[in-house]
Amino acid sequence: MSTLVVREIVARSGLEPDRDLILLAVGGSETRSGAMAAGFVDAAPVTLPLNYNLERQGYNRLAWGPDFVRYPMNGISGSPDYFANNRDLVLAVLRGVAGGVRDVKQRRSEMIPFLKEYLEVPEDEATKSYDFLLSHMPDNMIVDDAVIRQAMEFTAYSLKLKPDAVPDISKVRDWSYARGAK
């Protein structure tokens, strides 16, 4: 996904990804951050809060992924058979996740110091990280279909899929479990 987002950012910025980039697979955000520090790569996509650390070290932010591509940050998935055969367990997990989200949202004054210590970042970076993550946590665990459609369109475009290869949105998401977990 990181590669697809980078290619989209570069293309929307007027460059040609296949001509103007050399893409290297060097691992996750921490590895990419270290590769930049070692001079192995010139730029890299990194996640919160590593981006703030790099900025503190003098690196410039070239782009912010959510400004270019919006897609669900996370989710819970499994086969339809597993969900159907383990409905009570799935609903219990979802109730736990929903409770955790509510707790995080209601305890800002406790979460920011926790993030500061856990992530080992200054308070302003913990605050920015908290605010960003909160903006991507729907209260009811249900993401707008517009966000899912945009993610599907982006993926189909990036992978050069034919229109008939893109599934109907009803085959991609099922909110009945999220609704049932209330």
N, C-alpha and C. Protein backbone atom coordinates (compact mmCIF):
# COMPACT_ATOMS: atom_id res chain seq x y z
N MET A 1 0.82 -1.18 0.00
CA MET A 1 0.00 0.00 0.00
C MET A 1 0.87 1.25 0.00
N SER A 2 1.98 1.21 0.74
CA SER A 2 2.87 2.37 0.77
C SER A 2 3.36 2.74 -0.63
N THR A 3 3.71 1.73 -1.40
CA THR A 3 4.19 1.98 -2.76
C THR A 3 3.10 2.63 -3.60
N LEU A 4 1.88 2.13 -3.49
CA LEU A 4 0.77 2.70 -4.27
C LEU A 4 0.51 4.15 -3.87
N VAL A 5 0.56 4.44 -2.58
CA VAL A 5 0.34 5.81 -2.12
C VAL A 5 1.47 6.72 -2.62
N VAL A 6 2.71 6.29 -2.52
CA VAL A 6 3.83 7.10 -3.00
C VAL A 6 3.68 7.37 -4.49
N ARG A 7 3.34 6.36 -5.26
CA ARG A 7 3.16 6.55 -6.70
C ARG A 7 2.05 7.57 -6.97
N GLU A 8 0.97 7.50 -6.22
CA GLU A 8 -0.14 8.45 -6.41
C GLU A 8 0.29 9.87 -6.05
N ILE A 9 0.98 10.04 -4.96
CA ILE A 9 1.45 11.37 -4.55
C ILE A 9 2.37 11.95 -5.62
N VAL A 10 3.29 11.15 -6.10
CA VAL A 10 4.24 11.61 -7.12
C VAL A 10 3.50 11.99 -8.41
N ALA A 11 2.56 11.15 -8.82
CA ALA A 11 1.81 11.42 -10.06
C ALA A 11 0.99 12.70 -9.92
N ARG A 12 0.34 12.88 -8.79
CA ARG A 12 -0.48 14.09 -8.59
C ARG A 12 0.38 15.34 -8.43
N SER A 13 1.64 15.14 -8.16
CA SER A 13 2.56 16.28 -8.02
C SER A 13 3.25 16.63 -9.33
N GLY A 14 2.84 15.99 -10.43
CA GLY A 14 3.36 16.34 -11.73
C GLY A 14 4.56 15.55 -12.20
N LEU A 15 4.93 14.53 -11.46
CA LEU A 15 6.06 13.70 -11.86
C LEU A 15 5.55 12.37 -12.40
N GLU A 16 6.42 11.64 -13.04
CA GLU A 16 6.08 10.32 -13.59
C GLU A 16 6.76 9.26 -12.72
N PRO A 17 5.96 8.51 -11.94
CA PRO A 17 6.56 7.53 -11.03
C PRO A 17 7.53 6.56 -11.69
N ASP A 18 7.18 6.07 -12.89
CA ASP A 18 8.06 5.09 -13.53
C ASP A 18 9.35 5.71 -14.05
N ARG A 19 9.34 7.00 -14.27
CA ARG A 19 10.53 7.68 -14.79
C ARG A 19 11.32 8.39 -13.67
N ASP A 20 10.60 9.00 -12.74
CA ASP A 20 11.24 9.89 -11.77
C ASP A 20 11.54 9.26 -10.42
N LEU A 21 11.18 8.01 -10.23
CA LEU A 21 11.41 7.34 -8.94
C LEU A 21 12.20 6.05 -9.13
N ILE A 22 12.96 5.74 -8.13
CA ILE A 22 13.52 4.40 -7.99
C ILE A 22 12.97 3.91 -6.66
N LEU A 23 12.09 2.94 -6.71
CA LEU A 23 11.45 2.42 -5.50
C LEU A 23 12.25 1.24 -4.96
N LEU A 24 12.51 1.29 -3.67
CA LEU A 24 13.21 0.19 -3.00
C LEU A 24 12.34 -0.31 -1.86
N ALA A 25 12.21 -1.60 -1.74
CA ALA A 25 11.49 -2.19 -0.61
C ALA A 25 12.49 -2.40 0.51
N VAL A 26 12.42 -1.58 1.55
CA VAL A 26 13.38 -1.68 2.64
C VAL A 26 12.73 -2.00 3.98
N GLY A 27 11.44 -2.30 3.99
CA GLY A 27 10.79 -2.68 5.24
C GLY A 27 9.74 -1.69 5.69
N GLY A 28 9.37 -1.80 6.96
CA GLY A 28 8.35 -0.94 7.54
C GLY A 28 8.87 0.45 7.86
N SER A 29 8.04 1.23 8.51
CA SER A 29 8.36 2.64 8.79
C SER A 29 9.67 2.83 9.56
N GLU A 30 9.90 2.00 10.56
CA GLU A 30 11.14 2.16 11.34
C GLU A 30 12.36 1.88 10.47
N THR A 31 12.28 0.84 9.65
CA THR A 31 13.40 0.52 8.76
C THR A 31 13.59 1.61 7.72
N ARG A 32 12.49 2.11 7.17
CA ARG A 32 12.57 3.19 6.17
C ARG A 32 13.16 4.45 6.79
N SER A 33 12.77 4.74 8.02
CA SER A 33 13.31 5.90 8.73
C SER A 33 14.81 5.75 8.92
N GLY A 34 15.24 4.57 9.32
CA GLY A 34 16.67 4.30 9.48
C GLY A 34 17.42 4.36 8.16
N ALA A 35 16.78 3.90 7.08
CA ALA A 35 17.41 3.95 5.76
C ALA A 35 17.64 5.39 5.33
N MET A 36 16.71 6.28 5.69
CA MET A 36 16.90 7.70 5.38
C MET A 36 18.06 8.26 6.20
N ALA A 37 18.08 7.96 7.48
CA ALA A 37 19.13 8.47 8.36
C ALA A 37 20.51 8.00 7.91
N ALA A 38 20.58 6.78 7.35
CA ALA A 38 21.85 6.23 6.89
C ALA A 38 22.22 6.71 5.49
N GLY A 39 21.32 7.46 4.85
CA GLY A 39 21.60 7.95 3.51
C GLY A 39 21.37 6.91 2.42
N PHE A 40 20.73 5.82 2.77
CA PHE A 40 20.46 4.75 1.82
C PHE A 40 19.35 5.13 0.85
N VAL A 41 18.38 5.90 1.33
CA VAL A 41 17.28 6.40 0.49
C VAL A 41 17.14 7.89 0.71
N ASP A 42 16.59 8.56 -0.28
CA ASP A 42 16.42 10.02 -0.19
C ASP A 42 15.10 10.42 0.45
N ALA A 43 14.09 9.59 0.34
CA ALA A 43 12.78 9.89 0.90
C ALA A 43 12.08 8.57 1.19
N ALA A 44 11.13 8.59 2.12
CA ALA A 44 10.43 7.37 2.49
C ALA A 44 9.10 7.70 3.14
N PRO A 45 8.10 6.87 2.90
CA PRO A 45 6.85 7.03 3.63
C PRO A 45 7.01 6.44 5.03
N VAL A 46 6.63 7.21 6.03
CA VAL A 46 6.69 6.73 7.41
C VAL A 46 5.38 7.08 8.10
N THR A 47 5.09 6.33 9.13
CA THR A 47 3.85 6.53 9.88
C THR A 47 4.11 7.36 11.13
N LEU A 48 3.01 7.79 11.73
CA LEU A 48 3.08 8.47 13.01
C LEU A 48 3.75 7.54 14.02
N PRO A 49 4.50 7.99 14.95
CA PRO A 49 5.03 9.34 15.12
C PRO A 49 6.41 9.52 14.51
N LEU A 50 6.85 8.52 13.73
CA LEU A 50 8.19 8.59 13.16
C LEU A 50 8.37 9.81 12.27
N ASN A 51 7.30 10.25 11.63
CA ASN A 51 7.41 11.44 10.78
C ASN A 51 7.81 12.66 11.62
N TYR A 52 7.29 12.78 12.82
CA TYR A 52 7.64 13.94 13.66
C TYR A 52 9.10 13.89 14.08
N ASN A 53 9.56 12.69 14.40
CA ASN A 53 10.96 12.53 14.78
C ASN A 53 11.88 12.96 13.63
N LEU A 54 11.55 12.54 12.42
CA LEU A 54 12.37 12.93 11.26
C LEU A 54 12.34 14.45 11.06
N GLU A 55 11.18 15.05 11.22
CA GLU A 55 11.07 16.51 11.07
C GLU A 55 11.94 17.22 12.12
N ARG A 56 11.95 16.67 13.34
CA ARG A 56 12.80 17.25 14.40
C ARG A 56 14.27 17.17 14.02
N GLN A 57 14.64 16.14 13.26
CA GLN A 57 16.03 15.96 12.84
C GLN A 57 16.39 16.80 11.62
N GLY A 58 15.43 17.57 11.12
CA GLY A 58 15.71 18.45 10.00
C GLY A 58 15.20 17.98 8.65
N TYR A 59 14.58 16.82 8.60
CA TYR A 59 13.99 16.35 7.34
C TYR A 59 12.73 17.15 7.05
N ASN A 60 12.46 17.37 5.78
CA ASN A 60 11.25 18.09 5.37
C ASN A 60 10.16 17.11 4.99
N ARG A 61 8.95 17.44 5.38
CA ARG A 61 7.80 16.65 4.95
C ARG A 61 7.51 17.03 3.50
N LEU A 62 7.55 16.06 2.63
CA LEU A 62 7.28 16.29 1.22
C LEU A 62 5.79 16.21 0.90
N ALA A 63 5.10 15.37 1.63
CA ALA A 63 3.66 15.18 1.40
C ALA A 63 3.06 14.50 2.63
N TRP A 64 1.77 14.62 2.75
CA TRP A 64 1.02 13.98 3.82
C TRP A 64 0.03 13.05 3.14
N GLY A 65 0.22 11.75 3.29
CA GLY A 65 -0.58 10.75 2.59
C GLY A 65 -2.08 11.00 2.61
N PRO A 66 -2.68 11.29 3.79
CA PRO A 66 -4.12 11.50 3.83
C PRO A 66 -4.60 12.69 2.98
N ASP A 67 -3.70 13.59 2.61
CA ASP A 67 -4.09 14.68 1.71
C ASP A 67 -4.31 14.17 0.28
N PHE A 68 -3.77 13.01 -0.03
CA PHE A 68 -3.83 12.47 -1.38
C PHE A 68 -4.76 11.27 -1.51
N VAL A 69 -4.72 10.40 -0.52
CA VAL A 69 -5.49 9.17 -0.57
C VAL A 69 -6.10 8.93 0.81
N ARG A 70 -7.39 8.69 0.83
CA ARG A 70 -8.04 8.38 2.10
C ARG A 70 -8.54 6.94 2.02
N TYR A 71 -8.17 6.16 2.98
CA TYR A 71 -8.64 4.78 3.04
C TYR A 71 -8.73 4.39 4.51
N PRO A 72 -9.54 3.37 4.79
CA PRO A 72 -9.66 2.96 6.20
C PRO A 72 -8.30 2.60 6.78
N MET A 73 -8.04 3.06 7.99
CA MET A 73 -6.75 2.82 8.62
C MET A 73 -6.59 1.37 9.08
N ASN A 74 -7.68 0.75 9.46
CA ASN A 74 -7.58 -0.62 9.94
C ASN A 74 -8.96 -1.25 9.91
N GLY A 75 -9.02 -2.48 10.27
CA GLY A 75 -10.29 -3.18 10.29
C GLY A 75 -10.11 -4.58 10.82
N ILE A 76 -11.20 -5.25 10.93
CA ILE A 76 -11.19 -6.63 11.38
C ILE A 76 -11.79 -7.44 10.24
N SER A 77 -11.06 -8.43 9.79
CA SER A 77 -11.56 -9.21 8.67
C SER A 77 -11.40 -10.69 8.94
N GLY A 78 -12.17 -11.44 8.21
CA GLY A 78 -12.11 -12.89 8.29
C GLY A 78 -13.02 -13.47 7.22
N SER A 79 -12.96 -14.75 7.05
CA SER A 79 -13.80 -15.37 6.03
C SER A 79 -15.26 -15.34 6.48
N PRO A 80 -16.17 -15.26 5.53
CA PRO A 80 -17.59 -15.30 5.89
C PRO A 80 -17.95 -16.54 6.69
N ASP A 81 -17.34 -17.68 6.36
CA ASP A 81 -17.62 -18.91 7.11
C ASP A 81 -17.17 -18.80 8.56
N TYR A 82 -15.97 -18.25 8.78
CA TYR A 82 -15.48 -18.09 10.15
C TYR A 82 -16.42 -17.18 10.94
N PHE A 83 -16.78 -16.06 10.35
CA PHE A 83 -17.67 -15.12 11.04
C PHE A 83 -19.01 -15.79 11.36
N ALA A 84 -19.57 -16.49 10.40
CA ALA A 84 -20.87 -17.13 10.62
C ALA A 84 -20.78 -18.21 11.69
N ASN A 85 -19.70 -18.98 11.68
CA ASN A 85 -19.56 -20.09 12.64
C ASN A 85 -19.09 -19.64 14.02
N ASN A 86 -18.63 -18.41 14.14
CA ASN A 86 -18.10 -17.90 15.42
C ASN A 86 -18.70 -16.54 15.76
N ARG A 87 -19.97 -16.37 15.44
CA ARG A 87 -20.63 -15.07 15.59
C ARG A 87 -20.46 -14.50 17.00
N ASP A 88 -20.68 -15.29 18.03
CA ASP A 88 -20.58 -14.78 19.41
C ASP A 88 -19.17 -14.27 19.70
N LEU A 89 -18.16 -15.00 19.28
CA LEU A 89 -16.77 -14.58 19.49
C LEU A 89 -16.49 -13.29 18.71
N VAL A 90 -16.92 -13.24 17.46
CA VAL A 90 -16.69 -12.05 16.63
C VAL A 90 -17.36 -10.83 17.28
N LEU A 91 -18.59 -11.00 17.73
CA LEU A 91 -19.29 -9.87 18.37
C LEU A 91 -18.60 -9.46 19.66
N ALA A 92 -18.09 -10.42 20.43
CA ALA A 92 -17.38 -10.09 21.67
C ALA A 92 -16.11 -9.29 21.36
N VAL A 93 -15.37 -9.70 20.34
CA VAL A 93 -14.16 -8.96 19.94
C VAL A 93 -14.53 -7.55 19.52
N LEU A 94 -15.57 -7.43 18.72
CA LEU A 94 -15.99 -6.10 18.25
C LEU A 94 -16.47 -5.22 19.41
N ARG A 95 -17.18 -5.80 20.37
CA ARG A 95 -17.58 -5.01 21.55
C ARG A 95 -16.35 -4.52 22.31
N GLY A 96 -15.34 -5.39 22.42
CA GLY A 96 -14.10 -4.98 23.08
C GLY A 96 -13.40 -3.86 22.35
N VAL A 97 -13.32 -3.97 21.04
CA VAL A 97 -12.69 -2.91 20.23
C VAL A 97 -13.48 -1.61 20.37
N ALA A 98 -14.80 -1.69 20.26
CA ALA A 98 -15.63 -0.49 20.37
C ALA A 98 -15.47 0.15 21.75
N GLY A 99 -15.39 -0.67 22.78
CA GLY A 99 -15.18 -0.13 24.13
C GLY A 99 -13.83 0.54 24.25
N GLY A 100 -12.82 -0.05 23.64
CA GLY A 100 -11.49 0.56 23.65
C GLY A 100 -11.48 1.90 22.93
N VAL A 101 -12.14 1.96 21.79
CA VAL A 101 -12.22 3.22 21.04
C VAL A 101 -12.92 4.29 21.87
N ARG A 102 -14.06 3.91 22.47
CA ARG A 102 -14.78 4.89 23.32
C ARG A 102 -13.89 5.37 24.46
N ASP A 103 -13.18 4.44 25.09
CA ASP A 103 -12.31 4.77 26.21
C ASP A 103 -11.21 5.74 25.78
N VAL A 104 -10.58 5.45 24.66
CA VAL A 104 -9.51 6.32 24.16
C VAL A 104 -10.06 7.72 23.87
N LYS A 105 -11.24 7.78 23.27
CA LYS A 105 -11.82 9.09 22.92
C LYS A 105 -12.23 9.88 24.16
N GLN A 106 -12.66 9.20 25.20
CA GLN A 106 -13.15 9.88 26.40
C GLN A 106 -12.02 10.25 27.38
N ARG A 107 -10.82 9.77 27.16
CA ARG A 107 -9.74 9.97 28.12
C ARG A 107 -8.54 10.69 27.52
N ARG A 108 -8.80 11.73 26.78
CA ARG A 108 -7.74 12.49 26.13
C ARG A 108 -6.66 12.90 27.13
N SER A 109 -7.08 13.40 28.29
CA SER A 109 -6.10 13.91 29.26
C SER A 109 -5.18 12.80 29.79
N GLU A 110 -5.62 11.56 29.71
CA GLU A 110 -4.77 10.44 30.12
C GLU A 110 -4.01 9.85 28.94
N MET A 111 -4.62 9.89 27.76
CA MET A 111 -4.02 9.26 26.59
C MET A 111 -2.78 10.00 26.09
N ILE A 112 -2.81 11.31 26.12
CA ILE A 112 -1.67 12.06 25.59
C ILE A 112 -0.41 11.79 26.42
N PRO A 113 -0.46 11.85 27.75
CA PRO A 113 0.75 11.48 28.52
C PRO A 113 1.16 10.02 28.28
N PHE A 114 0.18 9.13 28.14
CA PHE A 114 0.50 7.73 27.84
C PHE A 114 1.24 7.63 26.51
N LEU A 115 0.72 8.28 25.47
CA LEU A 115 1.38 8.24 24.16
C LEU A 115 2.77 8.87 24.21
N LYS A 116 2.88 9.95 24.96
CA LYS A 116 4.18 10.61 25.09
C LYS A 116 5.22 9.64 25.65
N GLU A 117 4.84 8.92 26.69
CA GLU A 117 5.78 7.98 27.31
C GLU A 117 5.97 6.74 26.44
N TYR A 118 4.89 6.18 25.95
CA TYR A 118 4.96 4.94 25.18
C TYR A 118 5.73 5.12 23.87
N LEU A 119 5.44 6.23 23.17
CA LEU A 119 6.10 6.49 21.89
C LEU A 119 7.44 7.21 22.05
N GLU A 120 7.70 7.68 23.27
CA GLU A 120 8.93 8.43 23.55
C GLU A 120 9.06 9.64 22.63
N VAL A 121 8.02 10.47 22.66
CA VAL A 121 7.97 11.68 21.83
C VAL A 121 7.59 12.86 22.71
N PRO A 122 7.87 14.08 22.26
CA PRO A 122 7.43 15.26 23.01
C PRO A 122 5.90 15.34 23.06
N GLU A 123 5.40 16.11 24.00
CA GLU A 123 3.95 16.19 24.20
C GLU A 123 3.21 16.68 22.96
N ASP A 124 3.77 17.66 22.24
CA ASP A 124 3.06 18.16 21.06
C ASP A 124 2.93 17.08 19.99
N GLU A 125 3.91 16.20 19.87
CA GLU A 125 3.83 15.12 18.89
C GLU A 125 2.85 14.05 19.35
N ALA A 126 2.81 13.80 20.64
CA ALA A 126 1.82 12.86 21.18
C ALA A 126 0.41 13.41 20.93
N THR A 127 0.23 14.70 21.12
CA THR A 127 -1.07 15.34 20.89
C THR A 127 -1.46 15.25 19.41
N LYS A 128 -0.54 15.57 18.51
CA LYS A 128 -0.84 15.49 17.07
C LYS A 128 -1.13 14.05 16.67
N SER A 129 -0.41 13.11 17.21
CA SER A 129 -0.65 11.69 16.89
C SER A 129 -2.02 11.26 17.38
N TYR A 130 -2.35 11.66 18.60
CA TYR A 130 -3.67 11.32 19.17
C TYR A 130 -4.78 11.92 18.32
N ASP A 131 -4.66 13.18 17.98
CA ASP A 131 -5.70 13.85 17.19
C ASP A 131 -5.87 13.20 15.83
N PHE A 132 -4.76 12.85 15.19
CA PHE A 132 -4.85 12.20 13.88
C PHE A 132 -5.55 10.84 14.01
N LEU A 133 -5.12 10.04 14.95
CA LEU A 133 -5.71 8.72 15.11
C LEU A 133 -7.20 8.82 15.46
N LEU A 134 -7.54 9.77 16.30
CA LEU A 134 -8.95 9.95 16.67
C LEU A 134 -9.80 10.30 15.46
N SER A 135 -9.25 11.08 14.56
CA SER A 135 -10.02 11.47 13.38
C SER A 135 -10.28 10.29 12.45
N HIS A 136 -9.61 9.18 12.67
CA HIS A 136 -9.79 7.98 11.85
C HIS A 136 -10.45 6.83 12.62
N MET A 137 -11.03 7.14 13.76
CA MET A 137 -11.68 6.10 14.57
C MET A 137 -13.18 6.39 14.64
N PRO A 138 -13.99 5.79 13.78
CA PRO A 138 -15.42 6.05 13.87
C PRO A 138 -16.00 5.46 15.16
N ASP A 139 -16.89 6.21 15.80
CA ASP A 139 -17.48 5.78 17.06
C ASP A 139 -18.19 4.43 16.94
N ASN A 140 -18.87 4.22 15.83
CA ASN A 140 -19.68 3.02 15.67
C ASN A 140 -18.96 1.92 14.90
N MET A 141 -17.68 2.09 14.63
CA MET A 141 -16.84 1.15 13.90
C MET A 141 -17.27 1.01 12.44
N ILE A 142 -18.10 1.91 11.96
CA ILE A 142 -18.59 1.84 10.59
C ILE A 142 -18.01 3.01 9.81
N VAL A 143 -17.21 2.69 8.82
CA VAL A 143 -16.58 3.70 7.97
C VAL A 143 -17.55 4.05 6.85
N ASP A 144 -17.61 5.32 6.49
CA ASP A 144 -18.47 5.74 5.38
C ASP A 144 -18.15 4.94 4.13
N ASP A 145 -19.20 4.57 3.42
CA ASP A 145 -18.99 3.87 2.15
C ASP A 145 -18.15 4.69 1.18
N ALA A 146 -18.25 6.02 1.28
CA ALA A 146 -17.45 6.88 0.38
C ALA A 146 -15.96 6.62 0.58
N VAL A 147 -15.53 6.40 1.81
CA VAL A 147 -14.12 6.13 2.09
C VAL A 147 -13.73 4.77 1.52
N ILE A 148 -14.59 3.79 1.70
CA ILE A 148 -14.29 2.45 1.17
C ILE A 148 -14.28 2.48 -0.35
N ARG A 149 -15.24 3.18 -0.94
CA ARG A 149 -15.26 3.28 -2.40
C ARG A 149 -13.99 3.96 -2.92
N GLN A 150 -13.57 5.04 -2.24
CA GLN A 150 -12.35 5.72 -2.66
C GLN A 150 -11.15 4.78 -2.57
N ALA A 151 -11.08 4.00 -1.51
CA ALA A 151 -9.98 3.04 -1.36
C ALA A 151 -10.04 1.99 -2.46
N MET A 152 -11.23 1.52 -2.78
CA MET A 152 -11.38 0.53 -3.84
C MET A 152 -11.00 1.11 -5.20
N GLU A 153 -11.44 2.34 -5.46
CA GLU A 153 -11.12 2.99 -6.73
C GLU A 153 -9.61 3.23 -6.84
N PHE A 154 -9.02 3.68 -5.76
CA PHE A 154 -7.57 3.92 -5.75
C PHE A 154 -6.82 2.62 -6.02
N THR A 155 -7.23 1.56 -5.35
CA THR A 155 -6.56 0.27 -5.52
C THR A 155 -6.75 -0.25 -6.94
N ALA A 156 -7.97 -0.16 -7.44
CA ALA A 156 -8.24 -0.64 -8.81
C ALA A 156 -7.42 0.15 -9.83
N TYR A 157 -7.37 1.46 -9.65
CA TYR A 157 -6.59 2.32 -10.55
C TYR A 157 -5.10 1.98 -10.45
N SER A 158 -4.61 1.88 -9.21
CA SER A 158 -3.18 1.62 -9.00
C SER A 158 -2.75 0.27 -9.54
N LEU A 159 -3.62 -0.72 -9.41
CA LEU A 159 -3.29 -2.06 -9.87
C LEU A 159 -3.73 -2.29 -11.32
N LYS A 160 -4.28 -1.23 -11.92
CA LYS A 160 -4.74 -1.30 -13.32
C LYS A 160 -5.73 -2.45 -13.54
N LEU A 161 -6.67 -2.56 -12.60
CA LEU A 161 -7.68 -3.61 -12.71
C LEU A 161 -8.75 -3.21 -13.71
N LYS A 162 -9.29 -4.18 -14.39
CA LYS A 162 -10.42 -3.95 -15.28
C LYS A 162 -11.66 -3.74 -14.42
N PRO A 163 -12.61 -2.93 -14.89
CA PRO A 163 -13.81 -2.66 -14.08
C PRO A 163 -14.52 -3.92 -13.59
N ASP A 164 -14.56 -4.97 -14.40
CA ASP A 164 -15.26 -6.18 -13.97
C ASP A 164 -14.48 -6.96 -12.91
N ALA A 165 -13.23 -6.59 -12.65
CA ALA A 165 -12.44 -7.25 -11.61
C ALA A 165 -12.65 -6.62 -10.24
N VAL A 166 -13.30 -5.47 -10.20
CA VAL A 166 -13.54 -4.77 -8.94
C VAL A 166 -14.86 -5.27 -8.37
N PRO A 167 -14.83 -5.82 -7.16
CA PRO A 167 -16.07 -6.34 -6.58
C PRO A 167 -17.03 -5.23 -6.18
N ASP A 168 -18.28 -5.58 -6.09
CA ASP A 168 -19.29 -4.67 -5.56
C ASP A 168 -18.95 -4.40 -4.10
N ILE A 169 -19.21 -3.19 -3.65
CA ILE A 169 -18.87 -2.81 -2.27
C ILE A 169 -19.53 -3.74 -1.25
N SER A 170 -20.69 -4.26 -1.58
CA SER A 170 -21.38 -5.16 -0.64
C SER A 170 -20.59 -6.45 -0.41
N LYS A 171 -19.67 -6.77 -1.29
CA LYS A 171 -18.83 -7.96 -1.13
C LYS A 171 -17.55 -7.66 -0.35
N VAL A 172 -17.31 -6.37 -0.11
CA VAL A 172 -16.08 -5.94 0.55
C VAL A 172 -16.30 -5.67 2.03
N ARG A 173 -17.45 -5.18 2.37
CA ARG A 173 -17.71 -4.84 3.77
C ARG A 173 -19.08 -5.36 4.20
N ASP A 174 -19.17 -5.69 5.49
CA ASP A 174 -20.41 -6.18 6.07
C ASP A 174 -20.51 -5.55 7.45
N TRP A 175 -21.40 -4.57 7.58
CA TRP A 175 -21.54 -3.86 8.85
C TRP A 175 -22.49 -4.54 9.82
N SER A 176 -23.06 -5.66 9.44
CA SER A 176 -24.03 -6.31 10.33
C SER A 176 -23.39 -6.71 11.65
N TYR A 177 -22.12 -7.08 11.61
CA TYR A 177 -21.43 -7.46 12.85
C TYR A 177 -21.19 -6.24 13.74
N ALA A 178 -20.77 -5.14 13.13
CA ALA A 178 -20.55 -3.91 13.89
C ALA A 178 -21.87 -3.44 14.52
N ARG A 179 -22.94 -3.52 13.74
CA ARG A 179 -24.26 -3.13 14.28
C ARG A 179 -24.67 -4.08 15.40
N GLY A 180 -24.39 -5.36 15.24
CA GLY A 180 -24.76 -6.35 16.24
C GLY A 180 -23.94 -6.28 17.51
N ALA A 181 -22.80 -5.64 17.45
CA ALA A 181 -21.92 -5.54 18.63
C ALA A 181 -22.34 -4.45 19.59
N LYS A 182 -23.27 -3.63 19.20
CA LYS A 182 -23.71 -2.51 20.08
C LYS A 182 -24.32 -3.00 21.36
